[in-house]
Amino acid sequence: MSRDRFDSGTFYNKCVGQGPFVVLVRTHTKNIYGGYNPIGYTGRNQWLSSTESFVFSFGNDQDMYNMKIGRVTNIACSIYDGPFYDCFFNFGNTLYVTNGQRLAVGYDNRYYRNIFGEKHLSNIEEIEVFSVSGKDC
């Protein structure tokens, strides 16, 4: 995603209609944050309910074994389906990226279990988005 520029329009256009996805964000401090959207984006410009979405973080990009996962606690506004106030993505206002290329972490903990501690903004170094597809076993 970073090679395609940091802006919500590019992010949203690449993700609309692609189904479920996982997003990873590495900050300038080498922390990694992310979330899983099991619904995907369809362009409805509204809050979506999901019992399967979650947010997560790693302490740094060298330690993939100590991940924290925040599961949905209130499904009412777990994912926003649209370019909300120039956000790349929005997981219940708990984790979102603004067009200012900053990651907002822990600003609203009504919808996901708080795994981030204090709310803060971080500068973004890299964003990656991965499509998730189901397979029959």
N, C-alpha and C. Protein backbone atom coordinates (compact mmCIF):
# COMPACT_ATOMS: atom_id res chain seq x y z
N MET A 1 0.82 -1.18 0.00
CA MET A 1 0.00 0.00 0.00
C MET A 1 0.86 1.24 0.00
N SER A 2 1.96 1.24 0.72
CA SER A 2 2.80 2.42 0.80
C SER A 2 3.35 2.80 -0.56
N ARG A 3 3.60 1.82 -1.41
CA ARG A 3 4.11 2.14 -2.74
C ARG A 3 3.07 2.87 -3.58
N ASP A 4 1.79 2.72 -3.18
CA ASP A 4 0.69 3.35 -3.90
C ASP A 4 0.29 4.68 -3.30
N ARG A 5 1.03 5.20 -2.39
CA ARG A 5 0.81 6.47 -1.70
C ARG A 5 -0.04 6.27 -0.46
N PHE A 6 0.14 7.20 0.47
CA PHE A 6 -0.68 7.23 1.68
C PHE A 6 -1.85 8.17 1.45
N ASP A 7 -2.96 7.69 0.97
CA ASP A 7 -4.17 8.49 0.97
C ASP A 7 -5.39 7.59 1.00
N SER A 8 -6.46 8.10 1.60
CA SER A 8 -7.65 7.27 1.82
C SER A 8 -8.32 6.86 0.52
N GLY A 9 -8.30 7.72 -0.50
CA GLY A 9 -8.92 7.37 -1.78
C GLY A 9 -8.27 6.16 -2.42
N THR A 10 -6.94 6.12 -2.45
CA THR A 10 -6.22 4.99 -3.02
C THR A 10 -6.51 3.72 -2.22
N PHE A 11 -6.43 3.83 -0.90
CA PHE A 11 -6.71 2.67 -0.04
C PHE A 11 -8.11 2.15 -0.30
N TYR A 12 -9.08 3.03 -0.26
CA TYR A 12 -10.48 2.61 -0.39
C TYR A 12 -10.75 2.01 -1.77
N ASN A 13 -10.25 2.65 -2.83
CA ASN A 13 -10.48 2.13 -4.19
C ASN A 13 -9.87 0.75 -4.39
N LYS A 14 -8.73 0.49 -3.77
CA LYS A 14 -8.10 -0.83 -3.91
C LYS A 14 -8.82 -1.90 -3.09
N CYS A 15 -9.54 -1.50 -2.04
CA CYS A 15 -10.17 -2.48 -1.15
C CYS A 15 -11.65 -2.70 -1.42
N VAL A 16 -12.34 -1.75 -2.06
CA VAL A 16 -13.78 -1.91 -2.31
C VAL A 16 -14.04 -3.14 -3.16
N GLY A 17 -14.94 -3.98 -2.69
CA GLY A 17 -15.34 -5.17 -3.43
C GLY A 17 -14.36 -6.32 -3.39
N GLN A 18 -13.30 -6.21 -2.60
CA GLN A 18 -12.27 -7.26 -2.55
C GLN A 18 -12.50 -8.27 -1.44
N GLY A 19 -13.53 -8.08 -0.62
CA GLY A 19 -13.82 -9.02 0.45
C GLY A 19 -13.01 -8.75 1.70
N PRO A 20 -12.98 -9.71 2.61
CA PRO A 20 -12.29 -9.56 3.89
C PRO A 20 -10.81 -9.24 3.71
N PHE A 21 -10.25 -8.51 4.69
CA PHE A 21 -8.83 -8.19 4.61
C PHE A 21 -8.23 -8.00 6.00
N VAL A 22 -6.90 -8.11 6.03
CA VAL A 22 -6.10 -7.79 7.20
C VAL A 22 -5.23 -6.61 6.82
N VAL A 23 -5.14 -5.63 7.70
CA VAL A 23 -4.27 -4.49 7.46
C VAL A 23 -3.19 -4.48 8.54
N LEU A 24 -1.95 -4.21 8.12
CA LEU A 24 -0.80 -4.09 9.02
C LEU A 24 -0.21 -2.70 8.87
N VAL A 25 0.10 -2.06 9.97
CA VAL A 25 0.70 -0.73 9.96
C VAL A 25 1.94 -0.76 10.83
N ARG A 26 3.09 -0.40 10.25
CA ARG A 26 4.32 -0.28 11.04
C ARG A 26 4.56 1.21 11.27
N THR A 27 4.79 1.56 12.51
CA THR A 27 5.02 2.96 12.85
C THR A 27 6.51 3.28 12.88
N HIS A 28 6.82 4.55 13.03
CA HIS A 28 8.21 4.99 13.08
C HIS A 28 8.96 4.39 14.27
N THR A 29 8.24 3.95 15.29
CA THR A 29 8.87 3.32 16.46
C THR A 29 9.02 1.81 16.29
N LYS A 30 8.68 1.31 15.09
CA LYS A 30 8.76 -0.11 14.72
C LYS A 30 7.67 -0.97 15.35
N ASN A 31 6.72 -0.35 16.05
CA ASN A 31 5.56 -1.11 16.54
C ASN A 31 4.68 -1.47 15.35
N ILE A 32 3.98 -2.58 15.46
CA ILE A 32 3.08 -3.02 14.40
C ILE A 32 1.67 -3.12 14.97
N TYR A 33 0.74 -2.49 14.27
CA TYR A 33 -0.67 -2.51 14.64
C TYR A 33 -1.46 -3.03 13.45
N GLY A 34 -2.65 -3.53 13.72
CA GLY A 34 -3.46 -3.99 12.61
C GLY A 34 -4.86 -4.37 13.02
N GLY A 35 -5.60 -4.81 12.01
CA GLY A 35 -6.96 -5.24 12.26
C GLY A 35 -7.45 -6.16 11.17
N TYR A 36 -8.47 -6.91 11.50
CA TYR A 36 -9.09 -7.83 10.56
C TYR A 36 -10.52 -7.37 10.29
N ASN A 37 -10.85 -7.19 9.02
CA ASN A 37 -12.19 -6.81 8.58
C ASN A 37 -12.78 -8.01 7.84
N PRO A 38 -13.70 -8.77 8.46
CA PRO A 38 -14.25 -9.97 7.83
C PRO A 38 -15.33 -9.68 6.79
N ILE A 39 -15.76 -8.43 6.72
CA ILE A 39 -16.83 -8.05 5.81
C ILE A 39 -16.29 -7.48 4.51
N GLY A 40 -15.22 -6.71 4.61
CA GLY A 40 -14.69 -6.00 3.45
C GLY A 40 -15.41 -4.69 3.27
N TYR A 41 -15.02 -3.94 2.25
CA TYR A 41 -15.65 -2.66 1.95
C TYR A 41 -16.54 -2.79 0.73
N THR A 42 -17.72 -2.20 0.83
CA THR A 42 -18.66 -2.22 -0.29
C THR A 42 -19.10 -0.83 -0.70
N GLY A 43 -18.73 0.19 0.05
CA GLY A 43 -19.07 1.56 -0.31
C GLY A 43 -20.39 2.04 0.26
N ARG A 44 -20.85 1.45 1.35
CA ARG A 44 -22.14 1.84 1.94
C ARG A 44 -22.05 3.12 2.77
N ASN A 45 -20.85 3.54 3.14
CA ASN A 45 -20.65 4.73 3.97
C ASN A 45 -21.49 4.68 5.25
N GLN A 46 -21.32 3.61 5.98
CA GLN A 46 -22.03 3.45 7.25
C GLN A 46 -21.24 2.50 8.15
N TRP A 47 -21.59 2.53 9.44
CA TRP A 47 -20.99 1.60 10.38
C TRP A 47 -21.55 0.21 10.16
N LEU A 48 -20.69 -0.79 10.26
CA LEU A 48 -21.09 -2.18 10.10
C LEU A 48 -20.89 -2.93 11.41
N SER A 49 -21.71 -3.93 11.62
CA SER A 49 -21.60 -4.78 12.81
C SER A 49 -20.86 -6.06 12.45
N SER A 50 -19.96 -6.46 13.33
CA SER A 50 -19.22 -7.69 13.12
C SER A 50 -18.85 -8.31 14.46
N THR A 51 -19.04 -9.60 14.58
CA THR A 51 -18.59 -10.31 15.78
C THR A 51 -17.21 -10.92 15.57
N GLU A 52 -16.72 -10.90 14.33
CA GLU A 52 -15.47 -11.57 13.99
C GLU A 52 -14.28 -10.63 13.81
N SER A 53 -14.51 -9.34 13.72
CA SER A 53 -13.39 -8.41 13.52
C SER A 53 -12.59 -8.30 14.82
N PHE A 54 -11.31 -7.90 14.67
CA PHE A 54 -10.45 -7.69 15.83
C PHE A 54 -9.32 -6.76 15.45
N VAL A 55 -8.68 -6.19 16.46
CA VAL A 55 -7.49 -5.37 16.29
C VAL A 55 -6.35 -6.07 17.02
N PHE A 56 -5.11 -5.71 16.67
CA PHE A 56 -3.97 -6.37 17.30
C PHE A 56 -2.75 -5.47 17.27
N SER A 57 -1.75 -5.84 18.07
CA SER A 57 -0.48 -5.10 18.06
C SER A 57 0.66 -6.03 18.44
N PHE A 58 1.83 -5.70 17.91
CA PHE A 58 3.09 -6.34 18.28
C PHE A 58 3.96 -5.24 18.88
N GLY A 59 4.75 -5.59 19.88
CA GLY A 59 5.62 -4.61 20.52
C GLY A 59 6.64 -4.02 19.57
N ASN A 60 7.12 -4.82 18.62
CA ASN A 60 8.07 -4.32 17.62
C ASN A 60 8.08 -5.27 16.44
N ASP A 61 8.78 -4.88 15.39
CA ASP A 61 8.76 -5.69 14.17
C ASP A 61 9.71 -6.89 14.22
N GLN A 62 10.37 -7.11 15.36
CA GLN A 62 11.26 -8.26 15.52
C GLN A 62 10.65 -9.36 16.39
N ASP A 63 9.55 -9.05 17.06
CA ASP A 63 8.95 -9.99 18.01
C ASP A 63 7.52 -10.31 17.61
N MET A 64 7.35 -11.34 16.82
CA MET A 64 6.02 -11.71 16.33
C MET A 64 5.30 -12.68 17.28
N TYR A 65 5.93 -13.05 18.38
CA TYR A 65 5.34 -14.04 19.28
C TYR A 65 4.52 -13.43 20.41
N ASN A 66 4.70 -12.16 20.69
CA ASN A 66 3.99 -11.51 21.79
C ASN A 66 2.94 -10.54 21.27
N MET A 67 1.97 -11.08 20.58
CA MET A 67 0.91 -10.27 20.00
C MET A 67 -0.21 -10.09 21.02
N LYS A 68 -0.80 -8.89 21.03
CA LYS A 68 -2.00 -8.62 21.82
C LYS A 68 -3.17 -8.52 20.85
N ILE A 69 -4.29 -9.13 21.21
CA ILE A 69 -5.48 -9.11 20.36
C ILE A 69 -6.64 -8.50 21.13
N GLY A 70 -7.29 -7.53 20.50
CA GLY A 70 -8.48 -6.91 21.08
C GLY A 70 -9.71 -7.33 20.28
N ARG A 71 -10.54 -8.12 20.90
CA ARG A 71 -11.76 -8.60 20.23
C ARG A 71 -12.90 -7.60 20.42
N VAL A 72 -13.87 -7.70 19.54
CA VAL A 72 -15.04 -6.83 19.60
C VAL A 72 -15.78 -7.05 20.92
N THR A 73 -16.13 -5.95 21.58
CA THR A 73 -16.93 -6.03 22.80
C THR A 73 -18.33 -5.46 22.59
N ASN A 74 -18.49 -4.62 21.57
CA ASN A 74 -19.79 -4.04 21.22
C ASN A 74 -19.84 -3.97 19.71
N ILE A 75 -20.65 -4.81 19.09
CA ILE A 75 -20.60 -4.96 17.63
C ILE A 75 -21.23 -3.80 16.86
N ALA A 76 -21.92 -2.89 17.54
CA ALA A 76 -22.71 -1.85 16.86
C ALA A 76 -21.91 -1.05 15.83
N CYS A 77 -20.72 -0.65 16.15
CA CYS A 77 -19.91 0.18 15.26
C CYS A 77 -18.50 -0.38 15.16
N SER A 78 -18.39 -1.64 14.82
CA SER A 78 -17.07 -2.27 14.84
C SER A 78 -16.21 -1.92 13.63
N ILE A 79 -16.83 -1.62 12.47
CA ILE A 79 -16.07 -1.29 11.26
C ILE A 79 -16.83 -0.20 10.50
N TYR A 80 -16.09 0.80 10.00
CA TYR A 80 -16.75 1.78 9.14
C TYR A 80 -16.49 1.43 7.68
N ASP A 81 -17.55 1.39 6.89
CA ASP A 81 -17.47 1.01 5.47
C ASP A 81 -17.49 2.25 4.60
N GLY A 82 -16.36 2.92 4.52
CA GLY A 82 -16.26 4.11 3.67
C GLY A 82 -15.09 4.97 4.09
N PRO A 83 -14.74 5.93 3.26
CA PRO A 83 -13.64 6.85 3.59
C PRO A 83 -14.11 7.91 4.58
N PHE A 84 -14.23 7.51 5.85
CA PHE A 84 -14.79 8.31 6.94
C PHE A 84 -13.81 9.39 7.36
N TYR A 85 -14.16 10.65 7.12
CA TYR A 85 -13.30 11.78 7.49
C TYR A 85 -11.85 11.56 7.06
N ASP A 86 -11.67 11.13 5.83
CA ASP A 86 -10.34 10.89 5.27
C ASP A 86 -9.55 9.80 5.99
N CYS A 87 -10.24 8.85 6.59
CA CYS A 87 -9.56 7.71 7.22
C CYS A 87 -9.30 6.62 6.19
N PHE A 88 -8.20 5.94 6.30
CA PHE A 88 -7.93 4.76 5.48
C PHE A 88 -8.88 3.65 5.88
N PHE A 89 -8.95 3.37 7.17
CA PHE A 89 -9.82 2.35 7.72
C PHE A 89 -10.18 2.79 9.13
N ASN A 90 -11.24 2.22 9.66
CA ASN A 90 -11.66 2.62 10.99
C ASN A 90 -12.28 1.42 11.71
N PHE A 91 -11.59 0.95 12.73
CA PHE A 91 -12.09 -0.14 13.57
C PHE A 91 -12.67 0.48 14.84
N GLY A 92 -13.94 0.87 14.78
CA GLY A 92 -14.65 1.38 15.95
C GLY A 92 -14.02 2.59 16.61
N ASN A 93 -13.32 3.42 15.87
CA ASN A 93 -12.56 4.56 16.39
C ASN A 93 -11.49 4.13 17.40
N THR A 94 -11.21 2.84 17.47
CA THR A 94 -10.16 2.32 18.33
C THR A 94 -8.82 2.34 17.61
N LEU A 95 -8.86 2.07 16.31
CA LEU A 95 -7.66 2.03 15.48
C LEU A 95 -8.02 2.54 14.10
N TYR A 96 -7.40 3.66 13.70
CA TYR A 96 -7.67 4.19 12.36
C TYR A 96 -6.49 5.02 11.88
N VAL A 97 -6.40 5.14 10.57
CA VAL A 97 -5.34 5.92 9.94
C VAL A 97 -5.96 7.13 9.27
N THR A 98 -5.39 8.29 9.51
CA THR A 98 -5.89 9.51 8.89
C THR A 98 -5.07 9.85 7.66
N ASN A 99 -5.61 10.73 6.82
CA ASN A 99 -4.87 11.17 5.64
C ASN A 99 -3.63 11.96 6.02
N GLY A 100 -3.54 12.35 7.27
CA GLY A 100 -2.34 13.00 7.74
C GLY A 100 -1.21 12.02 7.97
N GLN A 101 -1.40 10.77 7.53
CA GLN A 101 -0.40 9.71 7.64
C GLN A 101 -0.03 9.39 9.08
N ARG A 102 -1.05 9.49 9.93
CA ARG A 102 -0.84 9.18 11.33
C ARG A 102 -1.80 8.08 11.75
N LEU A 103 -1.34 7.22 12.62
CA LEU A 103 -2.16 6.15 13.16
C LEU A 103 -2.71 6.60 14.50
N ALA A 104 -4.03 6.60 14.62
CA ALA A 104 -4.69 6.91 15.89
C ALA A 104 -4.96 5.59 16.60
N VAL A 105 -4.46 5.48 17.81
CA VAL A 105 -4.52 4.22 18.56
C VAL A 105 -5.23 4.44 19.89
N GLY A 106 -6.25 3.63 20.16
CA GLY A 106 -6.90 3.63 21.46
C GLY A 106 -7.76 4.82 21.78
N TYR A 107 -8.29 5.52 20.77
CA TYR A 107 -9.07 6.73 21.03
C TYR A 107 -10.48 6.46 21.52
N ASP A 108 -11.05 5.34 21.21
CA ASP A 108 -12.40 5.00 21.66
C ASP A 108 -12.42 3.50 21.95
N ASN A 109 -12.61 3.16 23.19
CA ASN A 109 -12.55 1.75 23.58
C ASN A 109 -13.92 1.16 23.90
N ARG A 110 -14.96 1.72 23.29
CA ARG A 110 -16.31 1.20 23.53
C ARG A 110 -16.61 -0.04 22.70
N TYR A 111 -15.84 -0.29 21.63
CA TYR A 111 -16.20 -1.36 20.70
C TYR A 111 -15.22 -2.52 20.67
N TYR A 112 -14.00 -2.29 21.13
CA TYR A 112 -12.97 -3.34 21.19
C TYR A 112 -12.34 -3.33 22.57
N ARG A 113 -11.90 -4.50 23.02
CA ARG A 113 -11.17 -4.57 24.29
C ARG A 113 -9.90 -3.73 24.16
N ASN A 114 -9.62 -2.92 25.17
CA ASN A 114 -8.46 -2.03 25.12
C ASN A 114 -7.17 -2.82 25.33
N ILE A 115 -6.37 -2.91 24.28
CA ILE A 115 -5.06 -3.57 24.38
C ILE A 115 -3.93 -2.57 24.20
N PHE A 116 -4.29 -1.30 23.95
CA PHE A 116 -3.29 -0.31 23.56
C PHE A 116 -2.84 0.60 24.69
N GLY A 117 -3.48 0.53 25.85
CA GLY A 117 -3.12 1.43 26.93
C GLY A 117 -3.60 2.84 26.64
N GLU A 118 -2.73 3.80 26.79
CA GLU A 118 -3.08 5.20 26.56
C GLU A 118 -3.28 5.48 25.08
N LYS A 119 -4.20 6.37 24.78
CA LYS A 119 -4.41 6.76 23.39
C LYS A 119 -3.22 7.57 22.90
N HIS A 120 -2.89 7.41 21.62
CA HIS A 120 -1.78 8.16 21.06
C HIS A 120 -1.85 8.17 19.53
N LEU A 121 -1.09 9.08 18.95
CA LEU A 121 -0.91 9.15 17.50
C LEU A 121 0.52 8.75 17.18
N SER A 122 0.69 8.00 16.10
CA SER A 122 2.03 7.58 15.68
C SER A 122 2.22 7.89 14.20
N ASN A 123 3.43 8.24 13.83
CA ASN A 123 3.75 8.42 12.42
C ASN A 123 3.88 7.06 11.75
N ILE A 124 3.37 6.96 10.54
CA ILE A 124 3.35 5.70 9.82
C ILE A 124 4.59 5.56 8.95
N GLU A 125 5.18 4.39 9.00
CA GLU A 125 6.31 4.07 8.13
C GLU A 125 5.88 3.21 6.95
N GLU A 126 4.95 2.28 7.20
CA GLU A 126 4.52 1.35 6.15
C GLU A 126 3.11 0.85 6.44
N ILE A 127 2.33 0.65 5.37
CA ILE A 127 1.00 0.03 5.48
C ILE A 127 0.92 -1.09 4.46
N GLU A 128 0.43 -2.24 4.89
CA GLU A 128 0.20 -3.37 3.98
C GLU A 128 -1.22 -3.88 4.20
N VAL A 129 -1.88 -4.23 3.11
CA VAL A 129 -3.23 -4.79 3.17
C VAL A 129 -3.21 -6.14 2.47
N PHE A 130 -3.79 -7.14 3.13
CA PHE A 130 -3.82 -8.48 2.57
C PHE A 130 -5.26 -8.96 2.48
N SER A 131 -5.63 -9.44 1.32
CA SER A 131 -6.95 -10.03 1.11
C SER A 131 -7.00 -11.38 1.80
N VAL A 132 -8.14 -11.69 2.41
CA VAL A 132 -8.33 -12.96 3.09
C VAL A 132 -9.42 -13.72 2.37
N SER A 133 -9.11 -14.94 1.97
CA SER A 133 -10.13 -15.75 1.30
C SER A 133 -10.25 -17.09 2.00
N GLY A 134 -11.47 -17.60 2.05
CA GLY A 134 -11.71 -18.89 2.69
C GLY A 134 -11.48 -20.02 1.71
N LYS A 135 -11.10 -21.17 2.23
CA LYS A 135 -10.89 -22.37 1.42
C LYS A 135 -11.64 -23.51 2.06
N ASP A 136 -12.19 -24.36 1.23
CA ASP A 136 -12.81 -25.57 1.75
C ASP A 136 -11.71 -26.57 2.11
N CYS A 137 -11.86 -27.23 3.22
CA CYS A 137 -10.85 -28.20 3.66
C CYS A 137 -11.12 -29.57 3.08
